[in-house]
Amino acid sequence: MRLTCPLCGARDHREFSYKGAAVQRAGEGADLEAWHAYVNLRENPAGPLQELWFHHMGCGAWLKVTRDTVTHEVSNVELASEAGLGGAA
């Protein structure tokens, strides 16, 4: 599988680390219920899913990747900061 980093271009997936679903993370001051939902209550759909990846062997960018979990086809890659996930780290 290849991912196209908006900053570095097409790269092998081994340059990246998968970091989970691209959902808004529970923030500072969030209550226990919000953290429980973020950490434990996850969907596992078959089909398109928005994921968070980190380009650890490249530019260090956080990416929001839309990938089909059945075929592994990547349909979109964008910087997490531009996708409204600025605090991805």
PDB file of N, CA and C in Angstrom:
ATOM      1  N   MET A   1       0.858  -1.172   0.000  1.00  0.00           N
ATOM      2  CA  MET A   1       0.000   0.000   0.000  1.00  0.00           C
ATOM      3  C   MET A   1       0.903   1.232   0.000  1.00  0.00           C
ATOM      4  N   ARG A   2       0.492   2.236  -0.743  1.00  0.00           N
ATOM      5  CA  ARG A   2       1.236   3.492  -0.812  1.00  0.00           C
ATOM      6  C   ARG A   2       0.334   4.628  -0.346  1.00  0.00           C
ATOM      7  N   LEU A   3       0.935   5.570   0.362  1.00  0.00           N
ATOM      8  CA  LEU A   3       0.240   6.783   0.782  1.00  0.00           C
ATOM      9  C   LEU A   3       0.940   7.960   0.132  1.00  0.00           C
ATOM     10  N   THR A   4       0.166   8.929  -0.302  1.00  0.00           N
ATOM     11  CA  THR A   4       0.752  10.127  -0.910  1.00  0.00           C
ATOM     12  C   THR A   4       0.706  11.261   0.091  1.00  0.00           C
ATOM     13  N   CYS A   5       1.853  11.526   0.688  1.00  0.00           N
ATOM     14  CA  CYS A   5       1.979  12.626   1.640  1.00  0.00           C
ATOM     15  C   CYS A   5       1.872  13.933   0.863  1.00  0.00           C
ATOM     16  N   PRO A   6       1.042  14.876   1.311  1.00  0.00           N
ATOM     17  CA  PRO A   6       0.927  16.164   0.609  1.00  0.00           C
ATOM     18  C   PRO A   6       2.246  16.939   0.566  1.00  0.00           C
ATOM     19  N   LEU A   7       3.170  16.638   1.465  1.00  0.00           N
ATOM     20  CA  LEU A   7       4.437  17.357   1.510  1.00  0.00           C
ATOM     21  C   LEU A   7       5.579  16.601   0.823  1.00  0.00           C
ATOM     22  N   CYS A   8       5.544  15.263   0.851  1.00  0.00           N
ATOM     23  CA  CYS A   8       6.666  14.458   0.352  1.00  0.00           C
ATOM     24  C   CYS A   8       6.360  13.663  -0.915  1.00  0.00           C
ATOM     25  N   GLY A   9       5.087  13.501  -1.246  1.00  0.00           N
ATOM     26  CA  GLY A   9       4.724  12.704  -2.410  1.00  0.00           C
ATOM     27  C   GLY A   9       4.431  11.259  -2.021  1.00  0.00           C
ATOM     28  N   ALA A  10       4.315  10.389  -3.027  1.00  0.00           N
ATOM     29  CA  ALA A  10       3.954   8.989  -2.816  1.00  0.00           C
ATOM     30  C   ALA A  10       5.074   8.252  -2.094  1.00  0.00           C
ATOM     31  N   ARG A  11       4.698   7.502  -1.055  1.00  0.00           N
ATOM     32  CA  ARG A  11       5.653   6.753  -0.250  1.00  0.00           C
ATOM     33  C   ARG A  11       5.035   5.409   0.142  1.00  0.00           C
ATOM     34  N   ASP A  12       5.892   4.448   0.450  1.00  0.00           N
ATOM     35  CA  ASP A  12       5.443   3.156   0.946  1.00  0.00           C
ATOM     36  C   ASP A  12       4.819   3.331   2.334  1.00  0.00           C
ATOM     37  N   HIS A  13       3.804   2.538   2.632  1.00  0.00           N
ATOM     38  CA  HIS A  13       3.097   2.690   3.915  1.00  0.00           C
ATOM     39  C   HIS A  13       3.999   2.446   5.121  1.00  0.00           C
ATOM     40  N   ARG A  14       5.138   1.771   4.934  1.00  0.00           N
ATOM     41  CA  ARG A  14       6.042   1.505   6.062  1.00  0.00           C
ATOM     42  C   ARG A  14       6.722   2.769   6.586  1.00  0.00           C
ATOM     43  N   GLU A  15       6.634   3.870   5.841  1.00  0.00           N
ATOM     44  CA  GLU A  15       7.177   5.146   6.336  1.00  0.00           C
ATOM     45  C   GLU A  15       6.229   5.816   7.329  1.00  0.00           C
ATOM     46  N   PHE A  16       5.022   5.286   7.459  1.00  0.00           N
ATOM     47  CA  PHE A  16       3.972   5.917   8.260  1.00  0.00           C
ATOM     48  C   PHE A  16       3.577   5.018   9.424  1.00  0.00           C
ATOM     49  N   SER A  17       3.021   5.617  10.462  1.00  0.00           N
ATOM     50  CA  SER A  17       2.464   4.882  11.595  1.00  0.00           C
ATOM     51  C   SER A  17       0.971   5.161  11.650  1.00  0.00           C
ATOM     52  N   TYR A  18       0.193   4.090  11.730  1.00  0.00           N
ATOM     53  CA  TYR A  18      -1.254   4.206  11.880  1.00  0.00           C
ATOM     54  C   TYR A  18      -1.570   4.614  13.308  1.00  0.00           C
ATOM     55  N   LYS A  19      -2.419   5.625  13.470  1.00  0.00           N
ATOM     56  CA  LYS A  19      -2.713   6.143  14.810  1.00  0.00           C
ATOM     57  C   LYS A  19      -4.187   6.081  15.183  1.00  0.00           C
ATOM     58  N   GLY A  20      -5.007   5.380  14.392  1.00  0.00           N
ATOM     59  CA  GLY A  20      -6.415   5.207  14.744  1.00  0.00           C
ATOM     60  C   GLY A  20      -7.351   5.996  13.855  1.00  0.00           C
ATOM     61  N   ALA A  21      -8.617   5.937  14.193  1.00  0.00           N
ATOM     62  CA  ALA A  21      -9.644   6.640  13.430  1.00  0.00           C
ATOM     63  C   ALA A  21      -9.457   8.152  13.592  1.00  0.00           C
ATOM     64  N   ALA A  22      -9.732   8.874  12.518  1.00  0.00           N
ATOM     65  CA  ALA A  22      -9.579  10.340  12.532  1.00  0.00           C
ATOM     66  C   ALA A  22     -10.841  10.957  13.115  1.00  0.00           C
ATOM     67  N   VAL A  23     -10.932  10.902  14.417  1.00  0.00           N
ATOM     68  CA  VAL A  23     -12.059  11.493  15.135  1.00  0.00           C
ATOM     69  C   VAL A  23     -11.516  12.583  16.042  1.00  0.00           C
ATOM     70  N   GLN A  24     -12.379  13.480  16.424  1.00  0.00           N
ATOM     71  CA  GLN A  24     -11.961  14.539  17.343  1.00  0.00           C
ATOM     72  C   GLN A  24     -11.633  13.907  18.685  1.00  0.00           C
ATOM     73  N   ARG A  25     -10.441  14.125  19.170  1.00  0.00           N
ATOM     74  CA  ARG A  25     -10.002  13.543  20.430  1.00  0.00           C
ATOM     75  C   ARG A  25     -10.602  14.293  21.619  1.00  0.00           C
ATOM     76  N   ALA A  26     -10.766  13.564  22.708  1.00  0.00           N
ATOM     77  CA  ALA A  26     -11.216  14.208  23.944  1.00  0.00           C
ATOM     78  C   ALA A  26     -10.143  15.208  24.356  1.00  0.00           C
ATOM     79  N   GLY A  27     -10.542  16.402  24.662  1.00  0.00           N
ATOM     80  CA  GLY A  27      -9.580  17.458  24.958  1.00  0.00           C
ATOM     81  C   GLY A  27      -9.335  17.658  26.439  1.00  0.00           C
ATOM     82  N   GLU A  28      -8.465  18.593  26.733  1.00  0.00           N
ATOM     83  CA  GLU A  28      -8.160  18.936  28.112  1.00  0.00           C
ATOM     84  C   GLU A  28      -9.439  19.392  28.810  1.00  0.00           C
ATOM     85  N   GLY A  29      -9.664  18.884  29.977  1.00  0.00           N
ATOM     86  CA  GLY A  29     -10.863  19.241  30.730  1.00  0.00           C
ATOM     87  C   GLY A  29     -12.073  18.369  30.421  1.00  0.00           C
ATOM     88  N   ALA A  30     -11.905  17.408  29.495  1.00  0.00           N
ATOM     89  CA  ALA A  30     -13.028  16.518  29.158  1.00  0.00           C
ATOM     90  C   ALA A  30     -13.332  15.623  30.357  1.00  0.00           C
ATOM     91  N   ASP A  31     -14.601  15.293  30.532  1.00  0.00           N
ATOM     92  CA  ASP A  31     -14.976  14.451  31.658  1.00  0.00           C
ATOM     93  C   ASP A  31     -14.667  12.978  31.366  1.00  0.00           C
ATOM     94  N   LEU A  32     -14.838  12.144  32.369  1.00  0.00           N
ATOM     95  CA  LEU A  32     -14.519  10.724  32.263  1.00  0.00           C
ATOM     96  C   LEU A  32     -15.337  10.040  31.170  1.00  0.00           C
ATOM     97  N   GLU A  33     -16.585  10.421  31.030  1.00  0.00           N
ATOM     98  CA  GLU A  33     -17.449   9.820  30.014  1.00  0.00           C
ATOM     99  C   GLU A  33     -16.939  10.115  28.594  1.00  0.00           C
ATOM    100  N   ALA A  34     -16.468  11.336  28.356  1.00  0.00           N
ATOM    101  CA  ALA A  34     -15.921  11.703  27.043  1.00  0.00           C
ATOM    102  C   ALA A  34     -14.660  10.908  26.746  1.00  0.00           C
ATOM    103  N   TRP A  35     -13.791  10.736  27.750  1.00  0.00           N
ATOM    104  CA  TRP A  35     -12.572   9.947  27.548  1.00  0.00           C
ATOM    105  C   TRP A  35     -12.900   8.480  27.326  1.00  0.00           C
ATOM    106  N   HIS A  36     -13.877   7.955  28.068  1.00  0.00           N
ATOM    107  CA  HIS A  36     -14.297   6.561  27.872  1.00  0.00           C
ATOM    108  C   HIS A  36     -14.797   6.358  26.447  1.00  0.00           C
ATOM    109  N   ALA A  37     -15.606   7.257  25.953  1.00  0.00           N
ATOM    110  CA  ALA A  37     -16.134   7.147  24.594  1.00  0.00           C
ATOM    111  C   ALA A  37     -15.007   7.209  23.563  1.00  0.00           C
ATOM    112  N   TYR A  38     -14.048   8.112  23.763  1.00  0.00           N
ATOM    113  CA  TYR A  38     -12.939   8.267  22.813  1.00  0.00           C
ATOM    114  C   TYR A  38     -12.031   7.030  22.796  1.00  0.00           C
ATOM    115  N   VAL A  39     -11.700   6.502  23.969  1.00  0.00           N
ATOM    116  CA  VAL A  39     -10.737   5.403  24.054  1.00  0.00           C
ATOM    117  C   VAL A  39     -11.368   4.044  23.759  1.00  0.00           C
ATOM    118  N   ASN A  40     -12.582   3.805  24.213  1.00  0.00           N
ATOM    119  CA  ASN A  40     -13.147   2.461  24.178  1.00  0.00           C
ATOM    120  C   ASN A  40     -14.281   2.215  23.188  1.00  0.00           C
ATOM    121  N   LEU A  41     -15.021   3.226  22.818  1.00  0.00           N
ATOM    122  CA  LEU A  41     -16.188   3.008  21.976  1.00  0.00           C
ATOM    123  C   LEU A  41     -15.853   3.358  20.525  1.00  0.00           C
ATOM    124  N   ARG A  42     -15.364   2.378  19.801  1.00  0.00           N
ATOM    125  CA  ARG A  42     -14.928   2.597  18.424  1.00  0.00           C
ATOM    126  C   ARG A  42     -15.765   1.783  17.460  1.00  0.00           C
ATOM    127  N   GLU A  43     -15.973   2.343  16.288  1.00  0.00           N
ATOM    128  CA  GLU A  43     -16.632   1.602  15.225  1.00  0.00           C
ATOM    129  C   GLU A  43     -15.565   0.840  14.450  1.00  0.00           C
ATOM    130  N   ASN A  44     -15.949  -0.262  13.840  1.00  0.00           N
ATOM    131  CA  ASN A  44     -15.033  -1.046  13.030  1.00  0.00           C
ATOM    132  C   ASN A  44     -15.729  -1.393  11.714  1.00  0.00           C
ATOM    133  N   PRO A  45     -15.989  -0.378  10.886  1.00  0.00           N
ATOM    134  CA  PRO A  45     -16.761  -0.627   9.666  1.00  0.00           C
ATOM    135  C   PRO A  45     -15.936  -1.311   8.577  1.00  0.00           C
ATOM    136  N   ALA A  46     -16.616  -2.057   7.738  1.00  0.00           N
ATOM    137  CA  ALA A  46     -16.008  -2.600   6.528  1.00  0.00           C
ATOM    138  C   ALA A  46     -16.328  -1.606   5.425  1.00  0.00           C
ATOM    139  N   GLY A  47     -15.303  -0.971   4.883  1.00  0.00           N
ATOM    140  CA  GLY A  47     -15.502   0.036   3.848  1.00  0.00           C
ATOM    141  C   GLY A  47     -14.702   1.284   4.149  1.00  0.00           C
ATOM    142  N   PRO A  48     -15.090   2.408   3.565  1.00  0.00           N
ATOM    143  CA  PRO A  48     -14.324   3.650   3.741  1.00  0.00           C
ATOM    144  C   PRO A  48     -14.279   4.109   5.198  1.00  0.00           C
ATOM    145  N   LEU A  49     -13.090   4.501   5.624  1.00  0.00           N
ATOM    146  CA  LEU A  49     -12.886   4.974   6.984  1.00  0.00           C
ATOM    147  C   LEU A  49     -11.845   6.083   6.947  1.00  0.00           C
ATOM    148  N   GLN A  50     -12.058   7.116   7.732  1.00  0.00           N
ATOM    149  CA  GLN A  50     -11.079   8.198   7.841  1.00  0.00           C
ATOM    150  C   GLN A  50     -10.153   7.859   8.999  1.00  0.00           C
ATOM    151  N   GLU A  51      -8.841   7.838   8.682  1.00  0.00           N
ATOM    152  CA  GLU A  51      -7.843   7.407   9.651  1.00  0.00           C
ATOM    153  C   GLU A  51      -6.791   8.491   9.858  1.00  0.00           C
ATOM    154  N   LEU A  52      -6.096   8.383  10.966  1.00  0.00           N
ATOM    155  CA  LEU A  52      -5.009   9.298  11.286  1.00  0.00           C
ATOM    156  C   LEU A  52      -3.705   8.526  11.157  1.00  0.00           C
ATOM    157  N   TRP A  53      -2.780   9.057  10.348  1.00  0.00           N
ATOM    158  CA  TRP A  53      -1.466   8.455  10.130  1.00  0.00           C
ATOM    159  C   TRP A  53      -0.400   9.504  10.412  1.00  0.00           C
ATOM    160  N   PHE A  54       0.763   9.052  10.883  1.00  0.00           N
ATOM    161  CA  PHE A  54       1.893   9.932  11.172  1.00  0.00           C
ATOM    162  C   PHE A  54       3.053   9.549  10.265  1.00  0.00           C
ATOM    163  N   HIS A  55       3.637  10.523   9.571  1.00  0.00           N
ATOM    164  CA  HIS A  55       4.752  10.265   8.647  1.00  0.00           C
ATOM    165  C   HIS A  55       6.060  10.289   9.438  1.00  0.00           C
ATOM    166  N   HIS A  56       6.324   9.208  10.173  1.00  0.00           N
ATOM    167  CA  HIS A  56       7.467   9.160  11.088  1.00  0.00           C
ATOM    168  C   HIS A  56       8.809   9.017  10.384  1.00  0.00           C
ATOM    169  N   MET A  57       8.861   8.466   9.176  1.00  0.00           N
ATOM    170  CA  MET A  57      10.132   8.321   8.457  1.00  0.00           C
ATOM    171  C   MET A  57      10.255   9.353   7.339  1.00  0.00           C
ATOM    172  N   GLY A  58       9.520  10.441   7.475  1.00  0.00           N
ATOM    173  CA  GLY A  58       9.548  11.492   6.473  1.00  0.00           C
ATOM    174  C   GLY A  58       9.508  12.846   7.136  1.00  0.00           C
ATOM    175  N   CYS A  59       8.510  13.622   6.765  1.00  0.00           N
ATOM    176  CA  CYS A  59       8.417  15.012   7.196  1.00  0.00           C
ATOM    177  C   CYS A  59       7.837  15.208   8.594  1.00  0.00           C
ATOM    178  N   GLY A  60       7.290  14.155   9.201  1.00  0.00           N
ATOM    179  CA  GLY A  60       6.711  14.278  10.537  1.00  0.00           C
ATOM    180  C   GLY A  60       5.304  14.839  10.540  1.00  0.00           C
ATOM    181  N   ALA A  61       4.650  14.840   9.381  1.00  0.00           N
ATOM    182  CA  ALA A  61       3.292  15.383   9.285  1.00  0.00           C
ATOM    183  C   ALA A  61       2.259  14.373   9.779  1.00  0.00           C
ATOM    184  N   TRP A  62       1.188  14.900  10.363  1.00  0.00           N
ATOM    185  CA  TRP A  62       0.014  14.100  10.712  1.00  0.00           C
ATOM    186  C   TRP A  62      -0.933  14.198   9.521  1.00  0.00           C
ATOM    187  N   LEU A  63      -1.457  13.041   9.087  1.00  0.00           N
ATOM    188  CA  LEU A  63      -2.298  12.981   7.896  1.00  0.00           C
ATOM    189  C   LEU A  63      -3.649  12.373   8.212  1.00  0.00           C
ATOM    190  N   LYS A  64      -4.664  12.892   7.558  1.00  0.00           N
ATOM    191  CA  LYS A  64      -5.994  12.294   7.603  1.00  0.00           C
ATOM    192  C   LYS A  64      -6.137  11.527   6.286  1.00  0.00           C
ATOM    193  N   VAL A  65      -6.258  10.210   6.390  1.00  0.00           N
ATOM    194  CA  VAL A  65      -6.297   9.322   5.229  1.00  0.00           C
ATOM    195  C   VAL A  65      -7.673   8.677   5.149  1.00  0.00           C
ATOM    196  N   THR A  66      -8.286   8.718   3.970  1.00  0.00           N
ATOM    197  CA  THR A  66      -9.534   7.992   3.745  1.00  0.00           C
ATOM    198  C   THR A  66      -9.162   6.707   3.013  1.00  0.00           C
ATOM    199  N   ARG A  67      -9.403   5.560   3.696  1.00  0.00           N
ATOM    200  CA  ARG A  67      -8.975   4.262   3.175  1.00  0.00           C
ATOM    201  C   ARG A  67     -10.113   3.270   3.308  1.00  0.00           C
ATOM    202  N   ASP A  68     -10.280   2.429   2.311  1.00  0.00           N
ATOM    203  CA  ASP A  68     -11.269   1.363   2.355  1.00  0.00           C
ATOM    204  C   ASP A  68     -10.653   0.215   3.151  1.00  0.00           C
ATOM    205  N   THR A  69     -11.287  -0.174   4.252  1.00  0.00           N
ATOM    206  CA  THR A  69     -10.718  -1.200   5.122  1.00  0.00           C
ATOM    207  C   THR A  69     -10.822  -2.603   4.533  1.00  0.00           C
ATOM    208  N   VAL A  70     -11.590  -2.764   3.457  1.00  0.00           N
ATOM    209  CA  VAL A  70     -11.705  -4.066   2.797  1.00  0.00           C
ATOM    210  C   VAL A  70     -10.650  -4.210   1.713  1.00  0.00           C
ATOM    211  N   THR A  71     -10.528  -3.201   0.849  1.00  0.00           N
ATOM    212  CA  THR A  71      -9.615  -3.276  -0.292  1.00  0.00           C
ATOM    213  C   THR A  71      -8.283  -2.579  -0.047  1.00  0.00           C
ATOM    214  N   HIS A  72      -8.186  -1.780   0.985  1.00  0.00           N
ATOM    215  CA  HIS A  72      -7.021  -0.945   1.326  1.00  0.00           C
ATOM    216  C   HIS A  72      -6.790   0.171   0.303  1.00  0.00           C
ATOM    217  N   GLU A  73      -7.750   0.419  -0.556  1.00  0.00           N
ATOM    218  CA  GLU A  73      -7.632   1.514  -1.520  1.00  0.00           C
ATOM    219  C   GLU A  73      -7.696   2.850  -0.778  1.00  0.00           C
ATOM    220  N   VAL A  74      -6.729   3.704  -1.049  1.00  0.00           N
ATOM    221  CA  VAL A  74      -6.677   5.034  -0.443  1.00  0.00           C
ATOM    222  C   VAL A  74      -7.301   6.017  -1.419  1.00  0.00           C
ATOM    223  N   SER A  75      -8.357   6.698  -0.984  1.00  0.00           N
ATOM    224  CA  SER A  75      -9.053   7.624  -1.880  1.00  0.00           C
ATOM    225  C   SER A  75      -8.704   9.084  -1.611  1.00  0.00           C
ATOM    226  N   ASN A  76      -8.148   9.390  -0.438  1.00  0.00           N
ATOM    227  CA  ASN A  76      -7.811  10.780  -0.139  1.00  0.00           C
ATOM    228  C   ASN A  76      -6.780  10.843   0.988  1.00  0.00           C
ATOM    229  N   VAL A  77      -5.855  11.792   0.868  1.00  0.00           N
ATOM    230  CA  VAL A  77      -4.882  12.069   1.928  1.00  0.00           C
ATOM    231  C   VAL A  77      -4.775  13.579   2.049  1.00  0.00           C
ATOM    232  N   GLU A  78      -4.904  14.084   3.267  1.00  0.00           N
ATOM    233  CA  GLU A  78      -4.747  15.516   3.499  1.00  0.00           C
ATOM    234  C   GLU A  78      -4.056  15.726   4.839  1.00  0.00           C
ATOM    235  N   LEU A  79      -3.451  16.882   4.987  1.00  0.00           N
ATOM    236  CA  LEU A  79      -2.830  17.216   6.251  1.00  0.00           C
ATOM    237  C   LEU A  79      -3.909  17.298   7.342  1.00  0.00           C
ATOM    238  N   ALA A  80      -3.652  16.712   8.474  1.00  0.00           N
ATOM    239  CA  ALA A  80      -4.623  16.714   9.563  1.00  0.00           C
ATOM    240  C   ALA A  80      -4.947  18.129  10.003  1.00  0.00           C
ATOM    241  N   SER A  81      -3.959  19.002   9.985  1.00  0.00           N
ATOM    242  CA  SER A  81      -4.182  20.390  10.404  1.00  0.00           C
ATOM    243  C   SER A  81      -5.156  21.104   9.477  1.00  0.00           C
ATOM    244  N   GLU A  82      -5.145  20.761   8.202  1.00  0.00           N
ATOM    245  CA  GLU A  82      -6.064  21.369   7.242  1.00  0.00           C
ATOM    246  C   GLU A  82      -7.438  20.705   7.260  1.00  0.00           C
ATOM    247  N   ALA A  83      -7.527  19.543   7.899  1.00  0.00           N
ATOM    248  CA  ALA A  83      -8.787  18.806   7.988  1.00  0.00           C
ATOM    249  C   ALA A  83      -9.501  19.065   9.313  1.00  0.00           C
ATOM    250  N   GLY A  84      -9.004  20.040  10.083  1.00  0.00           N
ATOM    251  CA  GLY A  84      -9.634  20.366  11.352  1.00  0.00           C
ATOM    252  C   GLY A  84      -9.192  19.486  12.505  1.00  0.00           C
ATOM    253  N   LEU A  85      -8.093  18.751  12.334  1.00  0.00           N
ATOM    254  CA  LEU A  85      -7.568  17.904  13.392  1.00  0.00           C
ATOM    255  C   LEU A  85      -6.205  18.423  13.825  1.00  0.00           C
ATOM    256  N   GLY A  86      -6.115  19.709  14.054  1.00  0.00           N
ATOM    257  CA  GLY A  86      -4.846  20.365  14.336  1.00  0.00           C
ATOM    258  C   GLY A  86      -4.079  19.815  15.513  1.00  0.00           C
ATOM    259  N   GLY A  87      -4.740  19.362  16.551  1.00  0.00           N
ATOM    260  CA  GLY A  87      -4.060  18.842  17.715  1.00  0.00           C
ATOM    261  C   GLY A  87      -3.872  17.345  17.657  1.00  0.00           C
ATOM    262  N   ALA A  88      -3.506  16.820  16.486  1.00  0.00           N
ATOM    263  CA  ALA A  88      -3.426  15.380  16.292  1.00  0.00           C
ATOM    264  C   ALA A  88      -2.394  14.711  17.178  1.00  0.00           C
ATOM    265  N   ALA A  89      -1.308  15.392  17.459  1.00  0.00           N
ATOM    266  CA  ALA A  89      -0.259  14.753  18.249  1.00  0.00           C
ATOM    267  C   ALA A  89      -0.689  14.596  19.629  1.00  0.00           C
TER     268      ALA A  89
END
